[in-house]
Amino acid sequence: MDASASEAPPDDVADPGGPPVSSGPLALAVARERMLVLLAGAGRAMKAQDIAAAIGEDVSDTSNGRRTETTRSRLKALVREGRVTEDPTAWFAIAPAPARNGQDGAAMA
């Protein structure tokens, strides 16, 4: 094998410049992982449409908002699970990590 030859990355690997736009909805597990990673790295609340675009969903006029609504529905499920917060309405952020009782080194009274 020629060491100078470069191989193309597999189709399921996202481009370092951002995820490719999908023609249909992303698989649930893929979308959930991308949303959680995005929100954890953002450090701020984001709108559902911005999240949908950032994870590679088609938010163009031709999708008629379907991919944004799919993303919003998936974000609401993450809110119910306690992994994401929504405040104010339609703005989503990663949920803070739960406090670990007795792990902070403080004496219990």
PDB file of N, CA and C in Angstrom:
ATOM      1  N   MET A   1       0.843  -1.186   0.000  1.00  0.00           N
ATOM      2  CA  MET A   1       0.000   0.000   0.000  1.00  0.00           C
ATOM      3  C   MET A   1       0.884   1.243   0.000  1.00  0.00           C
ATOM      4  N   ASP A   2       0.559   2.190  -0.808  1.00  0.00           N
ATOM      5  CA  ASP A   2       1.312   3.432  -0.930  1.00  0.00           C
ATOM      6  C   ASP A   2       0.978   4.341   0.250  1.00  0.00           C
ATOM      7  N   ALA A   3       1.970   4.711   1.036  1.00  0.00           N
ATOM      8  CA  ALA A   3       1.746   5.538   2.223  1.00  0.00           C
ATOM      9  C   ALA A   3       1.301   6.942   1.867  1.00  0.00           C
ATOM     10  N   SER A   4       1.597   7.395   0.648  1.00  0.00           N
ATOM     11  CA  SER A   4       1.215   8.755   0.271  1.00  0.00           C
ATOM     12  C   SER A   4      -0.229   8.841  -0.203  1.00  0.00           C
ATOM     13  N   ALA A   5      -0.839   7.697  -0.497  1.00  0.00           N
ATOM     14  CA  ALA A   5      -2.235   7.712  -0.953  1.00  0.00           C
ATOM     15  C   ALA A   5      -3.144   7.976   0.237  1.00  0.00           C
ATOM     16  N   SER A   6      -4.095   8.862   0.053  1.00  0.00           N
ATOM     17  CA  SER A   6      -5.033   9.147   1.137  1.00  0.00           C
ATOM     18  C   SER A   6      -6.363   8.479   0.827  1.00  0.00           C
ATOM     19  N   GLU A   7      -6.992   8.007   1.877  1.00  0.00           N
ATOM     20  CA  GLU A   7      -8.286   7.362   1.728  1.00  0.00           C
ATOM     21  C   GLU A   7      -9.360   8.356   2.126  1.00  0.00           C
ATOM     22  N   ALA A   8     -10.501   8.271   1.459  1.00  0.00           N
ATOM     23  CA  ALA A   8     -11.636   9.117   1.804  1.00  0.00           C
ATOM     24  C   ALA A   8     -12.237   8.608   3.105  1.00  0.00           C
ATOM     25  N   PRO A   9     -12.727   9.498   3.959  1.00  0.00           N
ATOM     26  CA  PRO A   9     -13.346   9.046   5.203  1.00  0.00           C
ATOM     27  C   PRO A   9     -14.642   8.309   4.896  1.00  0.00           C
ATOM     28  N   PRO A  10     -15.054   7.421   5.777  1.00  0.00           N
ATOM     29  CA  PRO A  10     -16.326   6.730   5.579  1.00  0.00           C
ATOM     30  C   PRO A  10     -17.469   7.726   5.504  1.00  0.00           C
ATOM     31  N   ASP A  11     -18.573   7.323   4.863  1.00  0.00           N
ATOM     32  CA  ASP A  11     -19.717   8.212   4.686  1.00  0.00           C
ATOM     33  C   ASP A  11     -20.364   8.638   5.995  1.00  0.00           C
ATOM     34  N   ASP A  12     -20.238   7.819   7.042  1.00  0.00           N
ATOM     35  CA  ASP A  12     -20.899   8.153   8.290  1.00  0.00           C
ATOM     36  C   ASP A  12     -20.071   9.036   9.219  1.00  0.00           C
ATOM     37  N   VAL A  13     -18.917   9.501   8.764  1.00  0.00           N
ATOM     38  CA  VAL A  13     -18.079  10.384   9.562  1.00  0.00           C
ATOM     39  C   VAL A  13     -18.374  11.827   9.139  1.00  0.00           C
ATOM     40  N   ALA A  14     -18.697  12.656  10.113  1.00  0.00           N
ATOM     41  CA  ALA A  14     -19.021  14.048   9.822  1.00  0.00           C
ATOM     42  C   ALA A  14     -17.777  14.818   9.405  1.00  0.00           C
ATOM     43  N   ASP A  15     -17.959  15.761   8.525  1.00  0.00           N
ATOM     44  CA  ASP A  15     -16.895  16.646   8.090  1.00  0.00           C
ATOM     45  C   ASP A  15     -16.483  17.515   9.277  1.00  0.00           C
ATOM     46  N   PRO A  16     -15.176  17.712   9.503  1.00  0.00           N
ATOM     47  CA  PRO A  16     -14.752  18.549  10.633  1.00  0.00           C
ATOM     48  C   PRO A  16     -15.341  19.948  10.594  1.00  0.00           C
ATOM     49  N   GLY A  17     -15.724  20.424   9.405  1.00  0.00           N
ATOM     50  CA  GLY A  17     -16.321  21.749   9.287  1.00  0.00           C
ATOM     51  C   GLY A  17     -17.760  21.781   9.729  1.00  0.00           C
ATOM     52  N   GLY A  18     -18.344  20.645   9.998  1.00  0.00           N
ATOM     53  CA  GLY A  18     -19.733  20.571  10.423  1.00  0.00           C
ATOM     54  C   GLY A  18     -20.397  19.360   9.819  1.00  0.00           C
ATOM     55  N   PRO A  19     -21.511  18.938  10.397  1.00  0.00           N
ATOM     56  CA  PRO A  19     -22.181  17.761   9.882  1.00  0.00           C
ATOM     57  C   PRO A  19     -22.831  18.044   8.537  1.00  0.00           C
ATOM     58  N   PRO A  20     -22.859  17.042   7.657  1.00  0.00           N
ATOM     59  CA  PRO A  20     -23.525  17.246   6.379  1.00  0.00           C
ATOM     60  C   PRO A  20     -25.031  17.357   6.586  1.00  0.00           C
ATOM     61  N   VAL A  21     -25.701  18.058   5.707  1.00  0.00           N
ATOM     62  CA  VAL A  21     -27.145  18.187   5.783  1.00  0.00           C
ATOM     63  C   VAL A  21     -27.752  16.886   5.285  1.00  0.00           C
ATOM     64  N   SER A  22     -28.689  16.337   6.056  1.00  0.00           N
ATOM     65  CA  SER A  22     -29.314  15.076   5.671  1.00  0.00           C
ATOM     66  C   SER A  22     -30.541  15.342   4.810  1.00  0.00           C
ATOM     67  N   SER A  23     -30.845  14.401   3.927  1.00  0.00           N
ATOM     68  CA  SER A  23     -32.008  14.549   3.074  1.00  0.00           C
ATOM     69  C   SER A  23     -33.278  14.162   3.811  1.00  0.00           C
ATOM     70  N   GLY A  24     -33.169  13.352   4.832  1.00  0.00           N
ATOM     71  CA  GLY A  24     -34.302  12.954   5.660  1.00  0.00           C
ATOM     72  C   GLY A  24     -33.938  13.193   7.099  1.00  0.00           C
ATOM     73  N   PRO A  25     -34.829  12.813   8.002  1.00  0.00           N
ATOM     74  CA  PRO A  25     -34.499  13.021   9.419  1.00  0.00           C
ATOM     75  C   PRO A  25     -33.331  12.137   9.840  1.00  0.00           C
ATOM     76  N   LEU A  26     -32.525  12.662  10.730  1.00  0.00           N
ATOM     77  CA  LEU A  26     -31.427  11.873  11.292  1.00  0.00           C
ATOM     78  C   LEU A  26     -32.011  10.754  12.143  1.00  0.00           C
ATOM     79  N   ALA A  27     -31.290   9.657  12.240  1.00  0.00           N
ATOM     80  CA  ALA A  27     -31.698   8.588  13.143  1.00  0.00           C
ATOM     81  C   ALA A  27     -31.781   9.157  14.552  1.00  0.00           C
ATOM     82  N   LEU A  28     -32.709   8.644  15.341  1.00  0.00           N
ATOM     83  CA  LEU A  28     -32.950   9.178  16.679  1.00  0.00           C
ATOM     84  C   LEU A  28     -31.682   9.206  17.528  1.00  0.00           C
ATOM     85  N   ALA A  29     -30.959   8.108  17.574  1.00  0.00           N
ATOM     86  CA  ALA A  29     -29.756   8.042  18.414  1.00  0.00           C
ATOM     87  C   ALA A  29     -28.697   9.035  17.945  1.00  0.00           C
ATOM     88  N   VAL A  30     -28.544   9.169  16.640  1.00  0.00           N
ATOM     89  CA  VAL A  30     -27.558  10.109  16.079  1.00  0.00           C
ATOM     90  C   VAL A  30     -27.956  11.541  16.422  1.00  0.00           C
ATOM     91  N   ALA A  31     -29.219  11.866  16.230  1.00  0.00           N
ATOM     92  CA  ALA A  31     -29.693  13.229  16.508  1.00  0.00           C
ATOM     93  C   ALA A  31     -29.544  13.566  17.986  1.00  0.00           C
ATOM     94  N   ARG A  32     -29.917  12.644  18.868  1.00  0.00           N
ATOM     95  CA  ARG A  32     -29.813  12.898  20.315  1.00  0.00           C
ATOM     96  C   ARG A  32     -28.362  13.147  20.714  1.00  0.00           C
ATOM     97  N   GLU A  33     -27.466  12.319  20.206  1.00  0.00           N
ATOM     98  CA  GLU A  33     -26.055  12.499  20.548  1.00  0.00           C
ATOM     99  C   GLU A  33     -25.539  13.841  20.047  1.00  0.00           C
ATOM    100  N   ARG A  34     -25.862  14.184  18.810  1.00  0.00           N
ATOM    101  CA  ARG A  34     -25.405  15.464  18.253  1.00  0.00           C
ATOM    102  C   ARG A  34     -25.971  16.647  19.029  1.00  0.00           C
ATOM    103  N   MET A  35     -27.255  16.573  19.422  1.00  0.00           N
ATOM    104  CA  MET A  35     -27.861  17.675  20.174  1.00  0.00           C
ATOM    105  C   MET A  35     -27.186  17.844  21.531  1.00  0.00           C
ATOM    106  N   LEU A  36     -26.951  16.735  22.232  1.00  0.00           N
ATOM    107  CA  LEU A  36     -26.322  16.816  23.553  1.00  0.00           C
ATOM    108  C   LEU A  36     -24.891  17.343  23.468  1.00  0.00           C
ATOM    109  N   VAL A  37     -24.138  16.880  22.491  1.00  0.00           N
ATOM    110  CA  VAL A  37     -22.756  17.348  22.322  1.00  0.00           C
ATOM    111  C   VAL A  37     -22.751  18.838  21.971  1.00  0.00           C
ATOM    112  N   LEU A  38     -23.640  19.228  21.065  1.00  0.00           N
ATOM    113  CA  LEU A  38     -23.726  20.637  20.653  1.00  0.00           C
ATOM    114  C   LEU A  38     -24.058  21.528  21.850  1.00  0.00           C
ATOM    115  N   LEU A  39     -25.102  21.167  22.597  1.00  0.00           N
ATOM    116  CA  LEU A  39     -25.521  22.007  23.718  1.00  0.00           C
ATOM    117  C   LEU A  39     -24.486  22.029  24.833  1.00  0.00           C
ATOM    118  N   ALA A  40     -23.831  20.908  25.072  1.00  0.00           N
ATOM    119  CA  ALA A  40     -22.789  20.875  26.102  1.00  0.00           C
ATOM    120  C   ALA A  40     -21.630  21.792  25.729  1.00  0.00           C
ATOM    121  N   GLY A  41     -21.298  21.841  24.462  1.00  0.00           N
ATOM    122  CA  GLY A  41     -20.190  22.679  24.012  1.00  0.00           C
ATOM    123  C   GLY A  41     -20.557  24.139  23.836  1.00  0.00           C
ATOM    124  N   ALA A  42     -21.837  24.412  23.625  1.00  0.00           N
ATOM    125  CA  ALA A  42     -22.276  25.792  23.364  1.00  0.00           C
ATOM    126  C   ALA A  42     -22.191  26.657  24.617  1.00  0.00           C
ATOM    127  N   GLY A  43     -22.516  26.101  25.763  1.00  0.00           N
ATOM    128  CA  GLY A  43     -22.474  26.868  26.996  1.00  0.00           C
ATOM    129  C   GLY A  43     -23.538  27.943  27.084  1.00  0.00           C
ATOM    130  N   ARG A  44     -24.560  27.833  26.257  1.00  0.00           N
ATOM    131  CA  ARG A  44     -25.661  28.810  26.260  1.00  0.00           C
ATOM    132  C   ARG A  44     -26.895  28.152  25.677  1.00  0.00           C
ATOM    133  N   ALA A  45     -28.041  28.769  25.873  1.00  0.00           N
ATOM    134  CA  ALA A  45     -29.281  28.266  25.288  1.00  0.00           C
ATOM    135  C   ALA A  45     -29.304  28.563  23.788  1.00  0.00           C
ATOM    136  N   MET A  46     -29.947  27.672  23.041  1.00  0.00           N
ATOM    137  CA  MET A  46     -30.049  27.829  21.585  1.00  0.00           C
ATOM    138  C   MET A  46     -31.487  27.557  21.153  1.00  0.00           C
ATOM    139  N   LYS A  47     -31.889  28.170  20.042  1.00  0.00           N
ATOM    140  CA  LYS A  47     -33.214  27.936  19.484  1.00  0.00           C
ATOM    141  C   LYS A  47     -33.228  26.613  18.720  1.00  0.00           C
ATOM    142  N   ALA A  48     -34.387  25.974  18.670  1.00  0.00           N
ATOM    143  CA  ALA A  48     -34.527  24.671  18.011  1.00  0.00           C
ATOM    144  C   ALA A  48     -34.078  24.727  16.552  1.00  0.00           C
ATOM    145  N   GLN A  49     -34.415  25.786  15.832  1.00  0.00           N
ATOM    146  CA  GLN A  49     -34.035  25.880  14.418  1.00  0.00           C
ATOM    147  C   GLN A  49     -32.515  25.948  14.278  1.00  0.00           C
ATOM    148  N   ASP A  50     -31.857  26.669  15.161  1.00  0.00           N
ATOM    149  CA  ASP A  50     -30.398  26.757  15.114  1.00  0.00           C
ATOM    150  C   ASP A  50     -29.755  25.409  15.453  1.00  0.00           C
ATOM    151  N   ILE A  51     -30.352  24.704  16.407  1.00  0.00           N
ATOM    152  CA  ILE A  51     -29.845  23.375  16.760  1.00  0.00           C
ATOM    153  C   ILE A  51     -30.023  22.427  15.590  1.00  0.00           C
ATOM    154  N   ALA A  52     -31.204  22.450  14.969  1.00  0.00           N
ATOM    155  CA  ALA A  52     -31.469  21.572  13.824  1.00  0.00           C
ATOM    156  C   ALA A  52     -30.447  21.800  12.714  1.00  0.00           C
ATOM    157  N   ALA A  53     -30.180  23.049  12.399  1.00  0.00           N
ATOM    158  CA  ALA A  53     -29.201  23.361  11.353  1.00  0.00           C
ATOM    159  C   ALA A  53     -27.804  22.898  11.745  1.00  0.00           C
ATOM    160  N   ALA A  54     -27.441  23.102  13.011  1.00  0.00           N
ATOM    161  CA  ALA A  54     -26.088  22.763  13.470  1.00  0.00           C
ATOM    162  C   ALA A  54     -25.822  21.263  13.486  1.00  0.00           C
ATOM    163  N   ILE A  55     -26.863  20.452  13.696  1.00  0.00           N
ATOM    164  CA  ILE A  55     -26.655  19.002  13.730  1.00  0.00           C
ATOM    165  C   ILE A  55     -26.813  18.356  12.361  1.00  0.00           C
ATOM    166  N   GLY A  56     -27.124  19.163  11.340  1.00  0.00           N
ATOM    167  CA  GLY A  56     -27.168  18.637   9.981  1.00  0.00           C
ATOM    168  C   GLY A  56     -28.549  18.358   9.426  1.00  0.00           C
ATOM    169  N   GLU A  57     -29.588  18.786  10.125  1.00  0.00           N
ATOM    170  CA  GLU A  57     -30.940  18.616   9.591  1.00  0.00           C
ATOM    171  C   GLU A  57     -31.193  19.669   8.508  1.00  0.00           C
ATOM    172  N   ASP A  58     -32.046  19.339   7.559  1.00  0.00           N
ATOM    173  CA  ASP A  58     -32.400  20.250   6.476  1.00  0.00           C
ATOM    174  C   ASP A  58     -33.423  21.255   6.993  1.00  0.00           C
ATOM    175  N   VAL A  59     -33.013  22.497   7.156  1.00  0.00           N
ATOM    176  CA  VAL A  59     -33.928  23.538   7.625  1.00  0.00           C
ATOM    177  C   VAL A  59     -34.224  24.551   6.518  1.00  0.00           C
ATOM    178  N   SER A  60     -33.985  24.130   5.286  1.00  0.00           N
ATOM    179  CA  SER A  60     -34.245  25.019   4.145  1.00  0.00           C
ATOM    180  C   SER A  60     -35.747  25.200   3.950  1.00  0.00           C
ATOM    181  N   ASP A  61     -36.099  26.135   3.105  1.00  0.00           N
ATOM    182  CA  ASP A  61     -37.508  26.399   2.820  1.00  0.00           C
ATOM    183  C   ASP A  61     -38.210  25.172   2.245  1.00  0.00           C
ATOM    184  N   THR A  62     -37.466  24.318   1.547  1.00  0.00           N
ATOM    185  CA  THR A  62     -38.086  23.138   0.933  1.00  0.00           C
ATOM    186  C   THR A  62     -38.531  22.107   1.963  1.00  0.00           C
ATOM    187  N   SER A  63     -37.990  22.135   3.170  1.00  0.00           N
ATOM    188  CA  SER A  63     -38.394  21.173   4.201  1.00  0.00           C
ATOM    189  C   SER A  63     -39.654  21.616   4.928  1.00  0.00           C
ATOM    190  N   ASN A  64     -40.099  22.851   4.696  1.00  0.00           N
ATOM    191  CA  ASN A  64     -41.323  23.383   5.311  1.00  0.00           C
ATOM    192  C   ASN A  64     -41.327  23.275   6.834  1.00  0.00           C
ATOM    193  N   GLY A  65     -40.160  23.345   7.440  1.00  0.00           N
ATOM    194  CA  GLY A  65     -40.070  23.328   8.893  1.00  0.00           C
ATOM    195  C   GLY A  65     -40.186  21.954   9.527  1.00  0.00           C
ATOM    196  N   ARG A  66     -40.321  20.907   8.721  1.00  0.00           N
ATOM    197  CA  ARG A  66     -40.498  19.560   9.293  1.00  0.00           C
ATOM    198  C   ARG A  66     -39.297  19.129  10.118  1.00  0.00           C
ATOM    199  N   ARG A  67     -38.099  19.392   9.638  1.00  0.00           N
ATOM    200  CA  ARG A  67     -36.907  18.952  10.370  1.00  0.00           C
ATOM    201  C   ARG A  67     -36.735  19.749  11.659  1.00  0.00           C
ATOM    202  N   THR A  68     -37.113  21.013  11.640  1.00  0.00           N
ATOM    203  CA  THR A  68     -37.046  21.816  12.863  1.00  0.00           C
ATOM    204  C   THR A  68     -38.032  21.272  13.892  1.00  0.00           C
ATOM    205  N   GLU A  69     -39.227  20.910  13.446  1.00  0.00           N
ATOM    206  CA  GLU A  69     -40.225  20.376  14.374  1.00  0.00           C
ATOM    207  C   GLU A  69     -39.821  19.010  14.904  1.00  0.00           C
ATOM    208  N   THR A  70     -39.173  18.197  14.066  1.00  0.00           N
ATOM    209  CA  THR A  70     -38.648  16.914  14.529  1.00  0.00           C
ATOM    210  C   THR A  70     -37.608  17.153  15.613  1.00  0.00           C
ATOM    211  N   THR A  71     -36.718  18.113  15.380  1.00  0.00           N
ATOM    212  CA  THR A  71     -35.682  18.435  16.356  1.00  0.00           C
ATOM    213  C   THR A  71     -36.311  18.964  17.640  1.00  0.00           C
ATOM    214  N   ARG A  72     -37.304  19.830  17.521  1.00  0.00           N
ATOM    215  CA  ARG A  72     -37.973  20.386  18.710  1.00  0.00           C
ATOM    216  C   ARG A  72     -38.610  19.251  19.534  1.00  0.00           C
ATOM    217  N   SER A  73     -39.248  18.307  18.861  1.00  0.00           N
ATOM    218  CA  SER A  73     -39.868  17.172  19.541  1.00  0.00           C
ATOM    219  C   SER A  73     -38.818  16.338  20.282  1.00  0.00           C
ATOM    220  N   ARG A  74     -37.690  16.112  19.652  1.00  0.00           N
ATOM    221  CA  ARG A  74     -36.610  15.346  20.282  1.00  0.00           C
ATOM    222  C   ARG A  74     -36.006  16.104  21.451  1.00  0.00           C
ATOM    223  N   LEU A  75     -35.896  17.423  21.338  1.00  0.00           N
ATOM    224  CA  LEU A  75     -35.403  18.237  22.445  1.00  0.00           C
ATOM    225  C   LEU A  75     -36.367  18.186  23.632  1.00  0.00           C
ATOM    226  N   LYS A  76     -37.678  18.222  23.356  1.00  0.00           N
ATOM    227  CA  LYS A  76     -38.676  18.143  24.425  1.00  0.00           C
ATOM    228  C   LYS A  76     -38.551  16.809  25.168  1.00  0.00           C
ATOM    229  N   ALA A  77     -38.249  15.725  24.443  1.00  0.00           N
ATOM    230  CA  ALA A  77     -38.044  14.427  25.088  1.00  0.00           C
ATOM    231  C   ALA A  77     -36.823  14.489  26.004  1.00  0.00           C
ATOM    232  N   LEU A  78     -35.759  15.153  25.564  1.00  0.00           N
ATOM    233  CA  LEU A  78     -34.567  15.304  26.399  1.00  0.00           C
ATOM    234  C   LEU A  78     -34.866  16.158  27.631  1.00  0.00           C
ATOM    235  N   VAL A  79     -35.781  17.136  27.492  1.00  0.00           N
ATOM    236  CA  VAL A  79     -36.209  17.947  28.646  1.00  0.00           C
ATOM    237  C   VAL A  79     -36.918  17.048  29.652  1.00  0.00           C
ATOM    238  N   ARG A  80     -37.839  16.197  29.171  1.00  0.00           N
ATOM    239  CA  ARG A  80     -38.566  15.293  30.073  1.00  0.00           C
ATOM    240  C   ARG A  80     -37.620  14.330  30.790  1.00  0.00           C
ATOM    241  N   GLU A  81     -36.528  13.962  30.137  1.00  0.00           N
ATOM    242  CA  GLU A  81     -35.538  13.067  30.744  1.00  0.00           C
ATOM    243  C   GLU A  81     -34.600  13.796  31.704  1.00  0.00           C
ATOM    244  N   GLY A  82     -34.659  15.138  31.729  1.00  0.00           N
ATOM    245  CA  GLY A  82     -33.803  15.915  32.612  1.00  0.00           C
ATOM    246  C   GLY A  82     -32.398  16.165  32.062  1.00  0.00           C
ATOM    247  N   ARG A  83     -32.177  15.883  30.789  1.00  0.00           N
ATOM    248  CA  ARG A  83     -30.850  16.068  30.202  1.00  0.00           C
ATOM    249  C   ARG A  83     -30.686  17.452  29.580  1.00  0.00           C
ATOM    250  N   VAL A  84     -31.804  18.108  29.285  1.00  0.00           N
ATOM    251  CA  VAL A  84     -31.815  19.427  28.651  1.00  0.00           C
ATOM    252  C   VAL A  84     -32.844  20.272  29.382  1.00  0.00           C
ATOM    253  N   THR A  85     -32.632  21.591  29.420  1.00  0.00           N
ATOM    254  CA  THR A  85     -33.617  22.504  29.993  1.00  0.00           C
ATOM    255  C   THR A  85     -34.181  23.385  28.888  1.00  0.00           C
ATOM    256  N   GLU A  86     -35.405  23.869  29.120  1.00  0.00           N
ATOM    257  CA  GLU A  86     -36.035  24.798  28.178  1.00  0.00           C
ATOM    258  C   GLU A  86     -36.470  26.028  28.945  1.00  0.00           C
ATOM    259  N   ASP A  87     -35.759  27.128  28.746  1.00  0.00           N
ATOM    260  CA  ASP A  87     -36.085  28.373  29.432  1.00  0.00           C
ATOM    261  C   ASP A  87     -35.301  29.501  28.793  1.00  0.00           C
ATOM    262  N   PRO A  88     -35.957  30.472  28.247  1.00  0.00           N
ATOM    263  CA  PRO A  88     -37.394  30.607  28.075  1.00  0.00           C
ATOM    264  C   PRO A  88     -37.919  29.616  27.029  1.00  0.00           C
ATOM    265  N   THR A  89     -39.221  29.670  26.778  1.00  0.00           N
ATOM    266  CA  THR A  89     -39.853  28.763  25.831  1.00  0.00           C
ATOM    267  C   THR A  89     -39.123  28.783  24.496  1.00  0.00           C
ATOM    268  N   ALA A  90     -38.874  27.580  23.972  1.00  0.00           N
ATOM    269  CA  ALA A  90     -38.232  27.356  22.671  1.00  0.00           C
ATOM    270  C   ALA A  90     -36.724  27.606  22.673  1.00  0.00           C
ATOM    271  N   TRP A  91     -36.131  27.843  23.828  1.00  0.00           N
ATOM    272  CA  TRP A  91     -34.680  27.973  23.963  1.00  0.00           C
ATOM    273  C   TRP A  91     -34.193  26.804  24.812  1.00  0.00           C
ATOM    274  N   PHE A  92     -33.251  26.035  24.283  1.00  0.00           N
ATOM    275  CA  PHE A  92     -32.809  24.809  24.926  1.00  0.00           C
ATOM    276  C   PHE A  92     -31.337  24.901  25.317  1.00  0.00           C
ATOM    277  N   ALA A  93     -31.012  24.338  26.486  1.00  0.00           N
ATOM    278  CA  ALA A  93     -29.629  24.318  26.979  1.00  0.00           C
ATOM    279  C   ALA A  93     -29.393  22.988  27.679  1.00  0.00           C
ATOM    280  N   ILE A  94     -28.140  22.609  27.791  1.00  0.00           N
ATOM    281  CA  ILE A  94     -27.790  21.381  28.498  1.00  0.00           C
ATOM    282  C   ILE A  94     -28.153  21.550  29.975  1.00  0.00           C
ATOM    283  N   ALA A  95     -28.699  20.518  30.582  1.00  0.00           N
ATOM    284  CA  ALA A  95     -29.076  20.587  32.000  1.00  0.00           C
ATOM    285  C   ALA A  95     -27.818  20.538  32.856  1.00  0.00           C
ATOM    286  N   PRO A  96     -27.817  21.256  33.965  1.00  0.00           N
ATOM    287  CA  PRO A  96     -26.659  21.181  34.860  1.00  0.00           C
ATOM    288  C   PRO A  96     -26.535  19.781  35.440  1.00  0.00           C
ATOM    289  N   ALA A  97     -25.323  19.382  35.720  1.00  0.00           N
ATOM    290  CA  ALA A  97     -25.084  18.066  36.325  1.00  0.00           C
ATOM    291  C   ALA A  97     -25.672  18.057  37.725  1.00  0.00           C
ATOM    292  N   PRO A  98     -26.289  16.945  38.123  1.00  0.00           N
ATOM    293  CA  PRO A  98     -26.851  16.891  39.470  1.00  0.00           C
ATOM    294  C   PRO A  98     -25.746  16.926  40.517  1.00  0.00           C
ATOM    295  N   ALA A  99     -26.040  17.530  41.649  1.00  0.00           N
ATOM    296  CA  ALA A  99     -25.079  17.600  42.751  1.00  0.00           C
ATOM    297  C   ALA A  99     -24.894  16.209  43.314  1.00  0.00           C
ATOM    298  N   ARG A 100     -23.655  15.890  43.623  1.00  0.00           N
ATOM    299  CA  ARG A 100     -23.343  14.580  44.209  1.00  0.00           C
ATOM    300  C   ARG A 100     -23.274  14.742  45.709  1.00  0.00           C
ATOM    301  N   ASN A 101     -24.221  14.161  46.413  1.00  0.00           N
ATOM    302  CA  ASN A 101     -24.291  14.286  47.883  1.00  0.00           C
ATOM    303  C   ASN A 101     -23.085  13.625  48.531  1.00  0.00           C
ATOM    304  N   GLY A 102     -22.464  14.365  49.457  1.00  0.00           N
ATOM    305  CA  GLY A 102     -21.348  13.840  50.218  1.00  0.00           C
ATOM    306  C   GLY A 102     -20.050  13.790  49.452  1.00  0.00           C
ATOM    307  N   GLN A 103     -20.007  14.241  48.235  1.00  0.00           N
ATOM    308  CA  GLN A 103     -18.819  14.162  47.415  1.00  0.00           C
ATOM    309  C   GLN A 103     -18.010  15.461  47.424  1.00  0.00           C
ATOM    310  N   ASP A 104     -18.560  16.517  48.017  1.00  0.00           N
ATOM    311  CA  ASP A 104     -17.868  17.809  47.970  1.00  0.00           C
ATOM    312  C   ASP A 104     -16.885  18.006  49.117  1.00  0.00           C
ATOM    313  N   GLY A 105     -16.786  17.043  50.010  1.00  0.00           N
ATOM    314  CA  GLY A 105     -15.825  17.142  51.102  1.00  0.00           C
ATOM    315  C   GLY A 105     -16.333  17.919  52.306  1.00  0.00           C
ATOM    316  N   ALA A 106     -17.519  18.502  52.250  1.00  0.00           N
ATOM    317  CA  ALA A 106     -18.057  19.250  53.374  1.00  0.00           C
ATOM    318  C   ALA A 106     -18.609  18.278  54.411  1.00  0.00           C
ATOM    319  N   ALA A 107     -18.499  18.645  55.657  1.00  0.00           N
ATOM    320  CA  ALA A 107     -19.002  17.812  56.749  1.00  0.00           C
ATOM    321  C   ALA A 107     -20.525  17.904  56.792  1.00  0.00           C
ATOM    322  N   MET A 108     -21.149  16.765  57.018  1.00  0.00           N
ATOM    323  CA  MET A 108     -22.615  16.722  57.128  1.00  0.00           C
ATOM    324  C   MET A 108     -22.990  17.043  58.579  1.00  0.00           C
ATOM    325  N   ALA A 109     -24.019  17.834  58.764  1.00  0.00           N
ATOM    326  CA  ALA A 109     -24.437  18.209  60.120  1.00  0.00           C
ATOM    327  C   ALA A 109     -25.331  17.180  60.715  1.00  0.00           C
TER     328      ALA A 109
END
